[in-house]
Protein backbone atom coordinates (compact mmCIF):
# COMPACT_ATOMS: atom_id res chain seq x y z
CA UNK A 1 12.12 -21.45 22.84
CA UNK A 2 9.98 -18.95 20.92
CA UNK A 3 9.52 -19.07 17.20
CA UNK A 4 9.01 -15.91 15.18
CA UNK A 5 5.53 -15.35 13.82
CA UNK A 6 5.25 -15.77 10.07
CA UNK A 7 4.70 -12.73 7.88
CA UNK A 8 1.01 -11.91 7.21
CA UNK A 9 1.68 -12.82 3.58
CA UNK A 10 3.38 -16.15 4.32
CA UNK A 11 1.25 -18.95 2.87
CA UNK A 12 1.29 -21.45 5.74
CA UNK A 13 -2.27 -22.76 6.29
CA UNK A 14 -3.56 -25.80 4.42
CA UNK A 15 -7.13 -25.61 3.13
CA UNK A 16 -8.64 -27.61 6.00
CA UNK A 17 -7.07 -25.31 8.61
CA UNK A 18 -8.05 -22.18 6.64
CA UNK A 19 -11.62 -23.47 6.39
CA UNK A 20 -11.76 -24.17 10.12
CA UNK A 21 -10.27 -20.77 11.04
CA UNK A 22 -12.72 -18.90 8.81
CA UNK A 23 -15.79 -21.02 9.49
CA UNK A 24 -16.18 -21.79 5.79
CA UNK A 25 -16.37 -25.13 4.04
CA UNK A 26 -13.24 -26.13 2.06
CA UNK A 27 -15.39 -26.32 -1.08
CA UNK A 28 -16.40 -22.69 -0.52
CA UNK A 29 -12.72 -21.72 -0.45
CA UNK A 30 -12.17 -23.58 -3.73
CA UNK A 31 -15.21 -21.85 -5.24
CA UNK A 32 -13.95 -18.41 -4.18
CA UNK A 33 -10.62 -19.25 -5.77
CA UNK A 34 -12.29 -20.30 -9.05
CA UNK A 35 -14.24 -17.03 -9.02
CA UNK A 36 -11.01 -15.08 -8.61
CA UNK A 37 -11.90 -13.65 -5.21
CA UNK A 38 -8.83 -15.17 -3.58
CA UNK A 39 -5.53 -16.58 -4.81
CA UNK A 40 -3.85 -18.83 -2.26
CA UNK A 41 -0.22 -19.80 -2.58
CA UNK A 42 0.68 -23.21 -3.95
CA UNK A 43 3.15 -25.86 -2.86
CA UNK A 44 5.42 -27.60 -5.32
CA UNK A 45 2.86 -30.41 -5.50
CA UNK A 46 -0.02 -27.99 -6.17
CA UNK A 47 -1.55 -27.93 -2.68
CA UNK A 48 -3.17 -24.69 -1.57
CA UNK A 49 -1.59 -22.67 1.21
CA UNK A 50 -3.37 -19.69 2.74
CA UNK A 51 -1.74 -16.74 4.47
CA UNK A 52 -3.06 -14.76 7.42
CA UNK A 53 -3.99 -11.99 4.96
CA UNK A 54 -5.93 -14.58 2.89
CA UNK A 55 -7.82 -15.62 6.02
CA UNK A 56 -8.74 -11.99 6.72
CA UNK A 57 -9.97 -11.63 3.14
CA UNK A 58 -12.04 -14.83 3.46
CA UNK A 59 -13.61 -13.50 6.67
CA UNK A 60 -14.45 -10.23 4.91
CA UNK A 61 -16.05 -12.11 2.00
CA UNK A 62 -18.02 -14.21 4.47
CA UNK A 63 -19.24 -11.14 6.36
CA UNK A 64 -20.32 -9.42 3.13
CA UNK A 65 -22.18 -12.46 1.79
CA UNK A 66 -23.81 -12.99 5.20
CA UNK A 67 -25.04 -9.39 5.01
CA UNK A 68 -26.87 -10.29 1.80
CA UNK A 69 -24.37 -8.93 -0.75
CA UNK A 70 -24.04 -11.04 -3.87
CA UNK A 71 -20.73 -12.36 -5.14
CA UNK A 72 -20.48 -9.71 -7.87
CA UNK A 73 -21.14 -7.03 -5.25
CA UNK A 74 -18.44 -8.56 -3.06
CA UNK A 75 -16.05 -8.58 -6.02
CA UNK A 76 -16.74 -4.88 -6.68
CA UNK A 77 -16.35 -3.97 -3.00
CA UNK A 78 -12.98 -5.75 -2.90
CA UNK A 79 -11.85 -3.98 -6.09
CA UNK A 80 -12.87 -0.62 -4.65
CA UNK A 81 -11.05 -1.40 -1.40
CA UNK A 82 -7.88 -2.16 -3.38
CA UNK A 83 -8.26 1.15 -5.23
CA UNK A 84 -8.71 2.97 -1.93
CA UNK A 85 -5.58 1.33 -0.51
CA UNK A 86 -3.59 2.26 -3.65
CA UNK A 87 -4.85 5.85 -3.52
CA UNK A 88 -3.96 6.11 0.16
CA UNK A 89 -0.45 4.93 -0.62
CA UNK A 90 -0.16 7.44 -3.47
CA UNK A 91 -1.51 10.19 -1.21
CA UNK A 92 1.13 9.41 1.42
CA UNK A 93 3.86 9.53 -1.23
CA UNK A 94 2.57 12.87 -2.54
CA UNK A 95 2.41 14.29 0.99
CA UNK A 96 6.04 13.29 1.53
CA UNK A 97 7.02 14.96 -1.77
CA UNK A 98 5.08 18.07 -0.78
CA UNK A 99 6.91 18.24 2.55
CA UNK A 100 10.26 18.02 0.74
CA UNK A 101 9.16 20.82 -1.60
CA UNK A 102 8.01 22.94 1.34
CA UNK A 103 11.34 22.41 3.10
CA UNK A 104 13.18 23.42 -0.08
CA UNK A 105 11.00 26.52 -0.40
CA UNK A 106 11.63 27.48 3.23
CA UNK A 107 15.36 27.03 2.68
CA UNK A 108 15.16 29.11 -0.51
CA UNK A 109 13.29 31.92 1.23
CA UNK A 110 15.82 31.90 4.05
CA UNK A 111 18.67 31.81 1.52
CA UNK A 112 17.08 34.66 -0.44
CA UNK A 113 16.93 36.83 2.65
CA UNK A 114 20.57 36.08 3.34
CA UNK A 115 21.50 36.73 -0.30
CA UNK A 116 19.65 40.06 -0.31
CA UNK A 117 21.54 41.10 2.79
CA UNK A 118 24.86 40.28 1.09
CA UNK A 119 23.85 41.76 -2.28
CA UNK A 120 23.46 38.45 -4.16
CA UNK A 121 20.13 38.50 -5.98
CA UNK A 122 20.06 34.84 -7.06
CA UNK A 123 18.71 32.48 -4.41
CA UNK A 124 19.86 28.91 -4.82
CA UNK A 125 17.69 25.88 -4.17
CA UNK A 126 19.61 22.74 -3.41
CA UNK A 127 17.98 19.53 -4.50
CA UNK A 128 17.48 16.83 -1.85
CA UNK A 129 18.84 14.39 -4.45
CA UNK A 130 22.27 12.97 -3.62
CA UNK A 131 23.56 13.75 -7.13
CA UNK A 132 24.09 17.33 -6.00
CA UNK A 133 21.99 18.93 -8.73
CA UNK A 134 21.20 22.60 -8.25
CA UNK A 135 18.43 24.93 -9.42
CA UNK A 136 19.09 28.65 -9.87
CA UNK A 137 16.13 30.99 -10.09
CA UNK A 138 15.92 34.67 -10.91
CA UNK A 139 12.85 36.79 -10.36
CA UNK A 140 11.58 38.34 -13.64
CA UNK A 141 11.95 42.11 -13.81
């Protein structure tokens, strides 16, 4: 029988296991938590539970400190990485919006050519929104 793997965000590792998997002392994990570098999940009784993503973050912190970067430098690097991730997500969303706009423009240009052939001078852009809204545009004279 196979069991499904937990989500990377599922807080499943107790502090001793997290410490062993990351090669850090449990007290170091508590210190990083107090400093706000990591926020493990909590059980109903208050015990810490670390996720796979938390373990990756702890390894990153360990690598940075081993490279001689101070804790404040590590904190700033982590903040910048979060900003980069957020900007990448926003960039992907904007690219998707741009593609929708390009598709609408292509459809409008095609519709305009068809309208000119039939004598209609008002191309119609149909919104990709399901509410059926419509935009009518007329070229200024």
